[in-house]
Amino acid sequence: MRGKAALLGIALMVLCAAVIGSVTAQLPQESKDKLIHVSGTGKVTTTPDEAVVVFAVETENADVKAAQQQNAERMDAVVNALKKAGIPEKDIRTAGYNIIPVTETDSRGLTTSKVKYYRVVNSLEVTMNDVNRAGEIVDLAVANGANKVNRFAFTLSDAKQQEFRSQALTAAVAQARGDADAVAAAIGKTILDVKEVNVGGSYVPMAYDTRYSGMEKVAGSAVATPLEVGEIDVTATVSISYIIS
């Protein structure tokens, strides 16, 4: 029995040693490379090729079904007008639909549980590929029943975002390499290779506050809504570690 116990103990010791050895062998070794860490930012300025606007139709009625019906009729008119103006169906989508009970207040100004009327809000997001028609489309929607513009922005299509982001990344890498070359030369070193690259970036669309929020434009107005496209920046950042000697 003692012999068997001794053999078992030896076997366990060998197994533990093997496990510990395998773990130790997997520990990473510290890099002996001499490095320069630099970052770069690239920016490309271009003209937006897409406009996005979110319209809303709001109706109110003491009868919730009546408020819904009125809202549906007005929104149908808006959608039909947009389609007739050449906006593809795929570029028109419902962005939200809410029924909000508005309650009465008592003599002390406190809210009661009694519903005064119902407010129905139907939001519609429209994407325009012709940015020069943005003002025209806003006027058209308002003239046909939209009484609120929740959001408006000039932006870039997905294809243009990728195209200009690639250009911005190229510029960011060039800036990083230029800084690395300058530092290496200043300390009497030479860049041998790239150790690591981390890519970041940001993209901010040019947004506009709407002048029609919460109000209707006077129907039949002869003055078109002026919306200037302007320019937009696409930026990208990189962080690069260079090996030097």
Protein backbone atom coordinates (compact mmCIF):
# COMPACT_ATOMS: atom_id res chain seq x y z
CA MET A 1 0.00 0.00 0.00
CA ARG A 2 2.82 2.35 0.90
CA GLY A 3 4.50 1.60 -2.42
CA LYS A 4 1.34 2.36 -4.35
CA ALA A 5 0.84 5.62 -2.45
CA ALA A 6 4.41 6.63 -3.16
CA LEU A 7 4.00 5.90 -6.88
CA LEU A 8 0.74 7.88 -6.97
CA GLY A 9 2.43 10.84 -5.26
CA ILE A 10 5.28 10.78 -7.76
CA ALA A 11 2.79 10.67 -10.65
CA LEU A 12 0.91 13.68 -9.30
CA MET A 13 4.14 15.63 -8.88
CA VAL A 14 5.14 14.87 -12.47
CA LEU A 15 1.68 15.93 -13.72
CA CYS A 16 1.78 19.21 -11.78
CA ALA A 17 5.26 19.92 -13.08
CA ALA A 18 4.07 19.33 -16.63
CA VAL A 19 1.12 21.68 -16.20
CA ILE A 20 3.22 24.39 -14.61
CA GLY A 21 5.83 23.99 -17.31
CA SER A 22 3.27 24.35 -20.10
CA VAL A 23 1.80 27.51 -18.53
CA THR A 24 5.23 29.06 -18.03
CA ALA A 25 6.14 28.36 -21.64
CA GLN A 26 3.10 30.37 -22.86
CA LEU A 27 3.98 33.57 -21.01
CA PRO A 28 4.80 36.33 -23.54
CA GLN A 29 8.30 37.67 -23.62
CA GLU A 30 8.93 41.40 -23.39
CA SER A 31 9.69 43.00 -26.72
CA LYS A 32 13.25 44.24 -27.14
CA ASP A 33 12.32 46.47 -30.09
CA LYS A 34 13.06 50.16 -29.80
CA LEU A 35 9.92 52.05 -30.80
CA ILE A 36 8.60 55.47 -31.73
CA HIS A 37 4.86 55.96 -31.09
CA VAL A 38 3.15 58.60 -33.24
CA SER A 39 -0.38 59.52 -34.26
CA GLY A 40 -1.79 61.24 -37.32
CA THR A 41 -5.04 62.90 -38.37
CA GLY A 42 -6.33 63.26 -41.91
CA LYS A 43 -9.23 65.40 -43.07
CA VAL A 44 -11.06 65.58 -46.40
CA THR A 45 -13.50 68.41 -47.05
CA THR A 46 -16.25 67.74 -49.57
CA THR A 47 -19.81 68.64 -50.55
CA PRO A 48 -22.70 66.58 -49.11
CA ASP A 49 -24.50 64.38 -51.62
CA GLU A 50 -27.48 63.44 -49.44
CA ALA A 51 -30.10 65.24 -47.33
CA VAL A 52 -32.22 63.63 -44.62
CA VAL A 53 -35.32 65.26 -43.16
CA VAL A 54 -37.81 63.95 -40.59
CA PHE A 55 -41.31 65.41 -40.97
CA ALA A 56 -44.20 64.88 -38.57
CA VAL A 57 -47.95 65.15 -38.76
CA GLU A 58 -49.60 65.99 -35.43
CA THR A 59 -53.37 65.90 -34.90
CA GLU A 60 -55.48 66.38 -31.79
CA ASN A 61 -59.03 65.30 -31.00
CA ALA A 62 -61.10 64.30 -27.99
CA ASP A 63 -61.93 61.09 -29.87
CA VAL A 64 -58.77 59.03 -30.34
CA LYS A 65 -60.12 57.31 -33.47
CA ALA A 66 -60.93 60.68 -35.02
CA ALA A 67 -57.41 61.93 -34.24
CA GLN A 68 -55.95 58.81 -35.88
CA GLN A 69 -58.15 59.16 -38.95
CA GLN A 70 -57.28 62.83 -39.42
CA ASN A 71 -53.61 62.04 -39.00
CA ALA A 72 -53.72 59.17 -41.51
CA GLU A 73 -55.41 61.35 -44.13
CA ARG A 74 -52.85 64.13 -43.77
CA MET A 75 -49.89 61.75 -43.81
CA ASP A 76 -51.24 59.99 -46.90
CA ALA A 77 -51.38 63.38 -48.62
CA VAL A 78 -47.76 64.10 -47.65
CA VAL A 79 -46.50 60.70 -48.85
CA ASN A 80 -48.39 60.89 -52.15
CA ALA A 81 -47.05 64.39 -52.82
CA LEU A 82 -43.47 63.22 -52.17
CA LYS A 83 -43.85 60.24 -54.50
CA LYS A 84 -45.33 62.43 -57.24
CA ALA A 85 -42.34 64.75 -56.81
CA GLY A 86 -40.04 61.83 -57.67
CA ILE A 87 -38.90 60.65 -54.24
CA PRO A 88 -38.53 56.83 -54.47
CA GLU A 89 -40.61 54.75 -52.09
CA LYS A 90 -37.44 53.15 -50.67
CA ASP A 91 -36.31 56.60 -49.48
CA ILE A 92 -39.50 57.22 -47.49
CA ARG A 93 -39.98 55.41 -44.18
CA THR A 94 -41.98 55.77 -40.98
CA ALA A 95 -39.70 57.04 -38.20
CA GLY A 96 -42.21 56.86 -35.34
CA TYR A 97 -45.88 56.72 -34.37
CA ASN A 98 -47.27 57.83 -31.01
CA ILE A 99 -50.68 58.37 -29.39
CA ILE A 100 -50.40 60.70 -26.40
CA PRO A 101 -53.33 61.28 -24.03
CA VAL A 102 -53.32 64.90 -22.81
CA THR A 103 -54.98 65.16 -19.41
CA GLU A 104 -56.79 68.09 -17.78
CA THR A 105 -55.54 70.09 -14.81
CA ASP A 106 -57.53 71.04 -11.74
CA SER A 107 -57.96 74.47 -10.15
CA ARG A 108 -54.61 74.09 -8.42
CA GLY A 109 -52.82 73.36 -11.68
CA LEU A 110 -52.31 69.70 -10.88
CA THR A 111 -52.71 67.02 -13.55
CA THR A 112 -55.80 64.87 -13.27
CA SER A 113 -56.57 61.46 -14.73
CA LYS A 114 -59.28 62.85 -17.00
CA VAL A 115 -58.21 62.89 -20.65
CA LYS A 116 -58.80 66.23 -22.35
CA TYR A 117 -57.85 65.08 -25.86
CA TYR A 118 -55.53 62.73 -27.71
CA ARG A 119 -52.48 63.82 -29.69
CA VAL A 120 -51.39 61.55 -32.54
CA VAL A 121 -47.86 62.03 -33.90
CA ASN A 122 -46.71 60.25 -37.07
CA SER A 123 -43.09 60.87 -38.13
CA LEU A 124 -41.70 60.31 -41.61
CA GLU A 125 -38.02 60.17 -42.60
CA VAL A 126 -37.19 61.18 -46.17
CA THR A 127 -33.78 60.76 -47.82
CA MET A 128 -32.94 62.91 -50.83
CA ASN A 129 -30.10 62.15 -53.23
CA ASP A 130 -30.47 65.55 -54.91
CA VAL A 131 -29.48 67.99 -52.17
CA ASN A 132 -30.45 70.97 -54.31
CA ARG A 133 -34.11 69.96 -53.97
CA ALA A 134 -34.07 69.96 -50.17
CA GLY A 135 -35.86 73.28 -49.76
CA GLU A 136 -38.44 72.35 -52.37
CA ILE A 137 -39.24 69.04 -50.65
CA VAL A 138 -39.60 70.69 -47.24
CA ASP A 139 -42.08 73.19 -48.70
CA LEU A 140 -43.97 70.42 -50.49
CA ALA A 141 -44.38 68.31 -47.34
CA VAL A 142 -45.55 71.27 -45.25
CA ALA A 143 -47.98 72.40 -47.94
CA ASN A 144 -49.57 68.94 -48.00
CA GLY A 145 -50.08 68.45 -44.26
CA ALA A 146 -46.80 68.09 -42.38
CA ASN A 147 -46.87 70.53 -39.47
CA LYS A 148 -43.52 69.76 -37.87
CA VAL A 149 -39.95 69.19 -39.01
CA ASN A 150 -38.10 67.28 -36.30
CA ARG A 151 -34.67 66.96 -37.90
CA PHE A 152 -32.79 68.06 -40.97
CA ALA A 153 -29.23 67.31 -42.03
CA PHE A 154 -26.97 67.37 -45.06
CA THR A 155 -24.76 64.30 -45.04
CA LEU A 156 -22.89 61.79 -47.21
CA SER A 157 -24.14 58.57 -48.74
CA ASP A 158 -22.51 55.33 -47.53
CA ALA A 159 -20.45 55.04 -50.71
CA LYS A 160 -19.11 58.60 -50.40
CA GLN A 161 -18.37 58.13 -46.69
CA GLN A 162 -16.17 55.12 -47.47
CA GLU A 163 -14.46 56.85 -50.39
CA PHE A 164 -13.51 59.95 -48.42
CA ARG A 165 -12.67 58.03 -45.26
CA SER A 166 -10.08 56.07 -47.27
CA GLN A 167 -8.58 59.36 -48.46
CA ALA A 168 -8.55 60.72 -44.92
CA LEU A 169 -6.81 57.57 -43.64
CA THR A 170 -4.14 57.91 -46.31
CA ALA A 171 -3.52 61.49 -45.21
CA ALA A 172 -3.43 60.44 -41.54
CA VAL A 173 -0.80 57.76 -42.21
CA ALA A 174 1.30 60.22 -44.21
CA GLN A 175 1.21 62.69 -41.30
CA ALA A 176 2.19 59.99 -38.81
CA ARG A 177 5.10 58.82 -40.94
CA GLY A 178 6.30 62.38 -41.43
CA ASP A 179 6.35 62.96 -37.68
CA ALA A 180 8.12 59.64 -37.10
CA ASP A 181 10.80 60.48 -39.69
CA ALA A 182 11.39 63.87 -38.07
CA VAL A 183 11.73 62.41 -34.57
CA ALA A 184 13.99 59.57 -35.72
CA ALA A 185 16.29 61.97 -37.55
CA ALA A 186 16.44 64.28 -34.54
CA ILE A 187 17.66 61.48 -32.26
CA GLY A 188 19.95 59.92 -34.85
CA LYS A 189 17.89 56.81 -35.50
CA THR A 190 16.49 55.05 -38.56
CA ILE A 191 12.98 53.66 -39.04
CA LEU A 192 13.12 49.95 -39.88
CA ASP A 193 9.54 48.72 -39.87
CA VAL A 194 6.02 49.12 -38.47
CA LYS A 195 5.28 47.34 -35.20
CA GLU A 196 1.60 48.17 -34.69
CA VAL A 197 -1.19 50.25 -36.25
CA ASN A 198 -4.47 51.33 -34.62
CA VAL A 199 -7.13 52.99 -36.74
CA GLY A 200 -9.78 55.37 -35.42
CA GLY A 201 -11.89 58.06 -37.00
CA SER A 202 -14.96 60.25 -36.81
CA TYR A 203 -17.59 61.59 -39.16
CA VAL A 204 -19.90 64.47 -38.30
CA PRO A 205 -22.75 65.46 -40.67
CA MET A 206 -23.67 69.10 -41.21
CA ALA A 207 -27.00 69.47 -39.38
CA TYR A 208 -29.46 72.34 -39.47
CA ASP A 209 -32.03 73.42 -36.92
CA THR A 210 -35.39 73.65 -38.61
CA ARG A 211 -37.25 76.91 -38.75
CA TYR A 212 -40.57 75.04 -39.02
CA SER A 213 -40.43 73.03 -35.82
CA GLY A 214 -43.89 72.97 -34.25
CA MET A 215 -45.53 75.25 -36.82
CA GLU A 216 -47.08 75.18 -40.24
CA LYS A 217 -45.80 77.23 -43.15
CA VAL A 218 -48.41 79.48 -44.65
CA ALA A 219 -49.89 77.59 -47.58
CA GLY A 220 -49.32 79.14 -50.95
CA SER A 221 -46.29 81.16 -49.87
CA ALA A 222 -44.31 82.31 -52.88
CA VAL A 223 -40.97 82.25 -51.08
CA ALA A 224 -39.13 78.93 -51.27
CA THR A 225 -37.20 77.67 -48.28
CA PRO A 226 -33.49 78.50 -48.72
CA LEU A 227 -31.24 75.64 -47.57
CA GLU A 228 -27.53 76.01 -48.29
CA VAL A 229 -25.60 72.75 -48.74
CA GLY A 230 -22.19 74.02 -47.63
CA GLU A 231 -19.31 71.62 -47.02
CA ILE A 232 -18.67 68.64 -44.75
CA ASP A 233 -15.51 67.18 -43.18
CA VAL A 234 -14.57 63.52 -43.08
CA THR A 235 -11.76 62.81 -40.62
CA ALA A 236 -9.72 59.75 -39.72
CA THR A 237 -7.02 59.08 -37.13
CA VAL A 238 -4.25 56.49 -36.79
CA SER A 239 -1.75 55.55 -34.10
CA ILE A 240 1.41 53.83 -35.34
CA SER A 241 4.38 52.29 -33.56
CA TYR A 242 7.57 52.26 -35.67
CA ILE A 243 10.62 50.06 -35.00
CA ILE A 244 13.86 52.06 -35.01
CA SER A 245 17.55 51.24 -34.83
